[in-house]
Amino acid sequence: MTDVLKLAENEVIEVQDKETAVSPEAALSLRIWLRLLTCSNLIEREIRSRLVRNLDITLPQFDVLAQLERDHDGMTMSQLSQRMMVTNGNVTGLVDRLTREGLVHREADPDDRRSNRVSLTPAGRAKFNKMVPIHHGWLEDMLGGLDKDSIEQLYDHLKGLKTSILEAKQKSANNQK
């Protein structure tokens, strides 16, 4: 199913999403979950597209740079894959490409020679620091249809949702013991 959104007087866009496939009578919790998925997918697709089109980098490559920027001492490939929630194999391919482009440096971990430690090169740090305000601007643009109070309320509501999810997860784990 599709949602038809009117963006401007003569501009209409059709958005195919999961939430419109559910009847209005469906449980509100299900409709909320599907709406969150739809919003997340829309944001991710737009960011992916803009990164490639405007900055010549993929979202996974951008994510590698972001993780490495947060840890100035670098990290092992395993740590990087855990933070990105992907397999070591996925990270290896990303790091290989970013190494060829001179954006990251990989060397044997002095504490464990069986693993490699990855860090940003000065060129990688400079490129990432140029991309960050552009990326943030895109997010601001996508939230631009909401006023400041609505954005703050949404943030607070999502914090509450996150807390509720973590509490349910903990309760479920306790019940399985």
C-alpha atoms as a PDB file:
ATOM      1  CA  MET A   1       0.000   0.000   0.000  1.00  0.00           C
ATOM      2  CA  THR A   2       1.053   3.594  -0.374  1.00  0.00           C
ATOM      3  CA  ASP A   3       0.548   6.836   1.459  1.00  0.00           C
ATOM      4  CA  VAL A   4       0.078   9.888  -0.733  1.00  0.00           C
ATOM      5  CA  LEU A   5       1.719  12.951   0.764  1.00  0.00           C
ATOM      6  CA  LYS A   6       1.151  16.451  -0.548  1.00  0.00           C
ATOM      7  CA  LEU A   7       4.422  18.346  -0.147  1.00  0.00           C
ATOM      8  CA  ALA A   8       3.593  21.541  -1.966  1.00  0.00           C
ATOM      9  CA  GLU A   9       0.784  22.893  -4.059  1.00  0.00           C
ATOM     10  CA  ASN A  10       1.828  20.950  -7.162  1.00  0.00           C
ATOM     11  CA  GLU A  11       4.078  18.352  -5.566  1.00  0.00           C
ATOM     12  CA  VAL A  12       2.730  14.973  -4.487  1.00  0.00           C
ATOM     13  CA  ILE A  13       4.812  11.985  -3.461  1.00  0.00           C
ATOM     14  CA  GLU A  14       3.728   8.406  -2.934  1.00  0.00           C
ATOM     15  CA  VAL A  15       5.450   6.595  -0.070  1.00  0.00           C
ATOM     16  CA  GLN A  16       5.227   2.851   0.092  1.00  0.00           C
ATOM     17  CA  ASP A  17       5.374   1.746   3.697  1.00  0.00           C
ATOM     18  CA  LYS A  18       4.432  -0.974   6.106  1.00  0.00           C
ATOM     19  CA  GLU A  19       2.072   1.025   8.277  1.00  0.00           C
ATOM     20  CA  THR A  20      -0.542   1.626   5.584  1.00  0.00           C
ATOM     21  CA  ALA A  21      -0.805  -2.132   5.035  1.00  0.00           C
ATOM     22  CA  VAL A  22      -2.330  -2.515   8.507  1.00  0.00           C
ATOM     23  CA  SER A  23      -5.977  -1.800   9.148  1.00  0.00           C
ATOM     24  CA  PRO A  24      -6.831   1.211  11.330  1.00  0.00           C
ATOM     25  CA  GLU A  25      -8.352  -1.270  13.782  1.00  0.00           C
ATOM     26  CA  ALA A  26      -4.998  -2.988  14.363  1.00  0.00           C
ATOM     27  CA  ALA A  27      -3.450  -2.611  17.801  1.00  0.00           C
ATOM     28  CA  LEU A  28      -1.979   0.828  18.333  1.00  0.00           C
ATOM     29  CA  SER A  29       1.310  -0.735  19.481  1.00  0.00           C
ATOM     30  CA  LEU A  30       1.602  -2.484  16.088  1.00  0.00           C
ATOM     31  CA  ARG A  31       0.812   0.702  14.171  1.00  0.00           C
ATOM     32  CA  ILE A  32       3.389   2.657  16.236  1.00  0.00           C
ATOM     33  CA  TRP A  33       6.051   0.042  15.586  1.00  0.00           C
ATOM     34  CA  LEU A  34       5.351   0.108  11.850  1.00  0.00           C
ATOM     35  CA  ARG A  35       5.339   3.916  11.779  1.00  0.00           C
ATOM     36  CA  LEU A  36       8.729   3.972  13.529  1.00  0.00           C
ATOM     37  CA  LEU A  37      10.060   1.491  10.953  1.00  0.00           C
ATOM     38  CA  THR A  38       8.687   3.605   8.121  1.00  0.00           C
ATOM     39  CA  CYS A  39      10.260   6.799   9.468  1.00  0.00           C
ATOM     40  CA  SER A  40      13.570   5.071  10.133  1.00  0.00           C
ATOM     41  CA  ASN A  41      13.617   3.564   6.631  1.00  0.00           C
ATOM     42  CA  LEU A  42      12.756   6.898   5.003  1.00  0.00           C
ATOM     43  CA  ILE A  43      15.529   8.708   6.877  1.00  0.00           C
ATOM     44  CA  GLU A  44      18.072   5.978   6.192  1.00  0.00           C
ATOM     45  CA  ARG A  45      17.275   5.802   2.457  1.00  0.00           C
ATOM     46  CA  GLU A  46      17.550   9.570   2.098  1.00  0.00           C
ATOM     47  CA  ILE A  47      20.833   9.739   4.039  1.00  0.00           C
ATOM     48  CA  ARG A  48      22.246   6.823   1.989  1.00  0.00           C
ATOM     49  CA  SER A  49      21.283   8.551  -1.236  1.00  0.00           C
ATOM     50  CA  ARG A  50      22.665  11.954  -0.236  1.00  0.00           C
ATOM     51  CA  LEU A  51      25.954  10.507   1.062  1.00  0.00           C
ATOM     52  CA  VAL A  52      26.652   8.772  -2.249  1.00  0.00           C
ATOM     53  CA  ARG A  53      25.340  11.594  -4.436  1.00  0.00           C
ATOM     54  CA  ASN A  54      26.924  14.527  -2.580  1.00  0.00           C
ATOM     55  CA  LEU A  55      29.904  13.135  -0.670  1.00  0.00           C
ATOM     56  CA  ASP A  56      30.880  10.029  -2.679  1.00  0.00           C
ATOM     57  CA  ILE A  57      30.744   7.751   0.364  1.00  0.00           C
ATOM     58  CA  THR A  58      28.402   4.956   1.399  1.00  0.00           C
ATOM     59  CA  LEU A  59      26.499   4.947   4.687  1.00  0.00           C
ATOM     60  CA  PRO A  60      28.481   1.959   6.030  1.00  0.00           C
ATOM     61  CA  GLN A  61      31.758   3.726   5.187  1.00  0.00           C
ATOM     62  CA  PHE A  62      30.488   6.885   6.887  1.00  0.00           C
ATOM     63  CA  ASP A  63      29.552   4.781   9.923  1.00  0.00           C
ATOM     64  CA  VAL A  64      33.070   3.300  10.103  1.00  0.00           C
ATOM     65  CA  LEU A  65      34.567   6.787  10.064  1.00  0.00           C
ATOM     66  CA  ALA A  66      32.090   7.927  12.734  1.00  0.00           C
ATOM     67  CA  GLN A  67      32.957   5.025  15.035  1.00  0.00           C
ATOM     68  CA  LEU A  68      36.683   5.584  14.592  1.00  0.00           C
ATOM     69  CA  GLU A  69      36.318   9.328  15.161  1.00  0.00           C
ATOM     70  CA  ARG A  70      34.794   8.626  18.583  1.00  0.00           C
ATOM     71  CA  ASP A  71      37.783   6.505  19.640  1.00  0.00           C
ATOM     72  CA  HIS A  72      40.978   8.448  18.974  1.00  0.00           C
ATOM     73  CA  ASP A  73      43.185   5.475  19.878  1.00  0.00           C
ATOM     74  CA  GLY A  74      41.489   3.366  17.230  1.00  0.00           C
ATOM     75  CA  MET A  75      39.902  -0.012  17.827  1.00  0.00           C
ATOM     76  CA  THR A  76      40.248  -3.615  16.845  1.00  0.00           C
ATOM     77  CA  MET A  77      38.290  -4.945  13.907  1.00  0.00           C
ATOM     78  CA  SER A  78      36.175  -6.982  16.357  1.00  0.00           C
ATOM     79  CA  GLN A  79      35.368  -3.912  18.437  1.00  0.00           C
ATOM     80  CA  LEU A  80      34.435  -2.023  15.285  1.00  0.00           C
ATOM     81  CA  SER A  81      32.138  -4.807  14.070  1.00  0.00           C
ATOM     82  CA  GLN A  82      30.462  -4.991  17.503  1.00  0.00           C
ATOM     83  CA  ARG A  83      29.842  -1.238  17.573  1.00  0.00           C
ATOM     84  CA  MET A  84      28.447  -1.299  14.058  1.00  0.00           C
ATOM     85  CA  MET A  85      26.450  -4.477  14.763  1.00  0.00           C
ATOM     86  CA  VAL A  86      27.746  -6.218  11.638  1.00  0.00           C
ATOM     87  CA  THR A  87      29.961  -9.218  10.997  1.00  0.00           C
ATOM     88  CA  ASN A  88      33.751  -9.059  10.972  1.00  0.00           C
ATOM     89  CA  GLY A  89      33.626  -9.902   7.261  1.00  0.00           C
ATOM     90  CA  ASN A  90      31.520  -6.834   6.507  1.00  0.00           C
ATOM     91  CA  VAL A  91      33.915  -4.603   8.431  1.00  0.00           C
ATOM     92  CA  THR A  92      36.941  -6.076   6.673  1.00  0.00           C
ATOM     93  CA  GLY A  93      35.654  -5.066   3.238  1.00  0.00           C
ATOM     94  CA  LEU A  94      34.780  -1.562   4.431  1.00  0.00           C
ATOM     95  CA  VAL A  95      38.159  -1.073   6.120  1.00  0.00           C
ATOM     96  CA  ASP A  96      39.981  -2.397   3.039  1.00  0.00           C
ATOM     97  CA  ARG A  97      38.329   0.211   0.821  1.00  0.00           C
ATOM     98  CA  LEU A  98      38.823   3.053   3.309  1.00  0.00           C
ATOM     99  CA  THR A  99      42.484   2.016   3.690  1.00  0.00           C
ATOM    100  CA  ARG A 100      42.972   2.154  -0.098  1.00  0.00           C
ATOM    101  CA  GLU A 101      41.452   5.635  -0.071  1.00  0.00           C
ATOM    102  CA  GLY A 102      43.874   6.716   2.667  1.00  0.00           C
ATOM    103  CA  LEU A 103      41.119   7.445   5.192  1.00  0.00           C
ATOM    104  CA  VAL A 104      41.952   4.745   7.745  1.00  0.00           C
ATOM    105  CA  HIS A 105      45.120   2.994   8.842  1.00  0.00           C
ATOM    106  CA  ARG A 106      45.276  -0.657   9.878  1.00  0.00           C
ATOM    107  CA  GLU A 107      48.138  -2.182  11.844  1.00  0.00           C
ATOM    108  CA  ALA A 108      48.786  -5.179  14.065  1.00  0.00           C
ATOM    109  CA  ASP A 109      47.390  -4.657  17.575  1.00  0.00           C
ATOM    110  CA  PRO A 110      50.403  -4.343  19.917  1.00  0.00           C
ATOM    111  CA  ASP A 111      48.436  -6.127  22.668  1.00  0.00           C
ATOM    112  CA  ASP A 112      47.288  -9.001  20.433  1.00  0.00           C
ATOM    113  CA  ARG A 113      49.194  -9.615  17.215  1.00  0.00           C
ATOM    114  CA  ARG A 114      46.400 -11.893  15.970  1.00  0.00           C
ATOM    115  CA  SER A 115      44.128  -8.872  15.532  1.00  0.00           C
ATOM    116  CA  ASN A 116      44.376  -5.583  13.701  1.00  0.00           C
ATOM    117  CA  ARG A 117      43.805  -2.139  15.115  1.00  0.00           C
ATOM    118  CA  VAL A 118      42.124   0.448  12.888  1.00  0.00           C
ATOM    119  CA  SER A 119      42.285   4.222  13.260  1.00  0.00           C
ATOM    120  CA  LEU A 120      41.550   7.320  11.224  1.00  0.00           C
ATOM    121  CA  THR A 121      44.338   8.891   9.241  1.00  0.00           C
ATOM    122  CA  PRO A 122      44.634  12.681   9.371  1.00  0.00           C
ATOM    123  CA  ALA A 123      42.990  12.737   5.904  1.00  0.00           C
ATOM    124  CA  GLY A 124      40.181  10.516   7.192  1.00  0.00           C
ATOM    125  CA  ARG A 125      39.603  12.722  10.214  1.00  0.00           C
ATOM    126  CA  ALA A 126      39.596  15.855   8.041  1.00  0.00           C
ATOM    127  CA  LYS A 127      37.149  14.329   5.543  1.00  0.00           C
ATOM    128  CA  PHE A 128      34.842  13.108   8.294  1.00  0.00           C
ATOM    129  CA  ASN A 129      34.899  16.495  10.048  1.00  0.00           C
ATOM    130  CA  LYS A 130      33.858  18.158   6.762  1.00  0.00           C
ATOM    131  CA  MET A 131      31.005  15.665   6.303  1.00  0.00           C
ATOM    132  CA  VAL A 132      29.535  15.957   9.817  1.00  0.00           C
ATOM    133  CA  PRO A 133      27.921  19.411   9.472  1.00  0.00           C
ATOM    134  CA  ILE A 134      26.517  18.438   6.068  1.00  0.00           C
ATOM    135  CA  HIS A 135      25.058  15.222   7.513  1.00  0.00           C
ATOM    136  CA  HIS A 136      23.597  17.126  10.477  1.00  0.00           C
ATOM    137  CA  GLY A 137      22.107  19.667   8.075  1.00  0.00           C
ATOM    138  CA  TRP A 138      20.311  16.894   6.188  1.00  0.00           C
ATOM    139  CA  LEU A 139      18.807  15.617   9.434  1.00  0.00           C
ATOM    140  CA  GLU A 140      17.732  19.143  10.366  1.00  0.00           C
ATOM    141  CA  ASP A 141      16.171  19.458   6.920  1.00  0.00           C
ATOM    142  CA  MET A 142      14.218  16.223   7.351  1.00  0.00           C
ATOM    143  CA  LEU A 143      12.916  17.368  10.741  1.00  0.00           C
ATOM    144  CA  GLY A 144      12.302  20.877   9.399  1.00  0.00           C
ATOM    145  CA  GLY A 145       8.552  20.346   9.128  1.00  0.00           C
ATOM    146  CA  LEU A 146       8.312  20.112  12.906  1.00  0.00           C
ATOM    147  CA  ASP A 147       8.564  23.039  15.287  1.00  0.00           C
ATOM    148  CA  LYS A 148      11.156  23.038  18.081  1.00  0.00           C
ATOM    149  CA  ASP A 149       8.659  22.029  20.774  1.00  0.00           C
ATOM    150  CA  SER A 150       7.432  19.077  18.707  1.00  0.00           C
ATOM    151  CA  ILE A 151      11.002  17.910  18.117  1.00  0.00           C
ATOM    152  CA  GLU A 152      11.792  18.111  21.836  1.00  0.00           C
ATOM    153  CA  GLN A 153       8.585  16.260  22.713  1.00  0.00           C
ATOM    154  CA  LEU A 154       9.337  13.569  20.136  1.00  0.00           C
ATOM    155  CA  TYR A 155      12.820  13.153  21.591  1.00  0.00           C
ATOM    156  CA  ASP A 156      11.399  12.830  25.105  1.00  0.00           C
ATOM    157  CA  HIS A 157       8.736  10.359  23.973  1.00  0.00           C
ATOM    158  CA  LEU A 158      11.333   8.252  22.190  1.00  0.00           C
ATOM    159  CA  LYS A 159      13.448   8.265  25.373  1.00  0.00           C
ATOM    160  CA  GLY A 160      10.435   6.920  27.243  1.00  0.00           C
ATOM    161  CA  LEU A 161       9.893   4.292  24.548  1.00  0.00           C
ATOM    162  CA  LYS A 162      13.539   3.243  24.731  1.00  0.00           C
ATOM    163  CA  THR A 163      13.293   2.903  28.515  1.00  0.00           C
ATOM    164  CA  SER A 164      10.102   0.855  28.175  1.00  0.00           C
ATOM    165  CA  ILE A 165      11.735  -1.465  25.628  1.00  0.00           C
ATOM    166  CA  LEU A 166      14.805  -1.990  27.815  1.00  0.00           C
ATOM    167  CA  GLU A 167      12.608  -2.703  30.847  1.00  0.00           C
ATOM    168  CA  ALA A 168      10.575  -5.250  28.853  1.00  0.00           C
ATOM    169  CA  LYS A 169      13.805  -6.847  27.638  1.00  0.00           C
ATOM    170  CA  GLN A 170      15.093  -7.121  31.196  1.00  0.00           C
ATOM    171  CA  LYS A 171      11.779  -8.524  32.423  1.00  0.00           C
ATOM    172  CA  SER A 172      11.814 -11.111  29.640  1.00  0.00           C
ATOM    173  CA  ALA A 173      15.411 -12.099  30.488  1.00  0.00           C
ATOM    174  CA  ASN A 174      14.488 -12.452  34.166  1.00  0.00           C
ATOM    175  CA  ASN A 175      11.493 -14.644  33.287  1.00  0.00           C
ATOM    176  CA  GLN A 176      13.700 -16.995  31.258  1.00  0.00           C
ATOM    177  CA  LYS A 177      15.991 -17.705  34.223  1.00  0.00           C
END
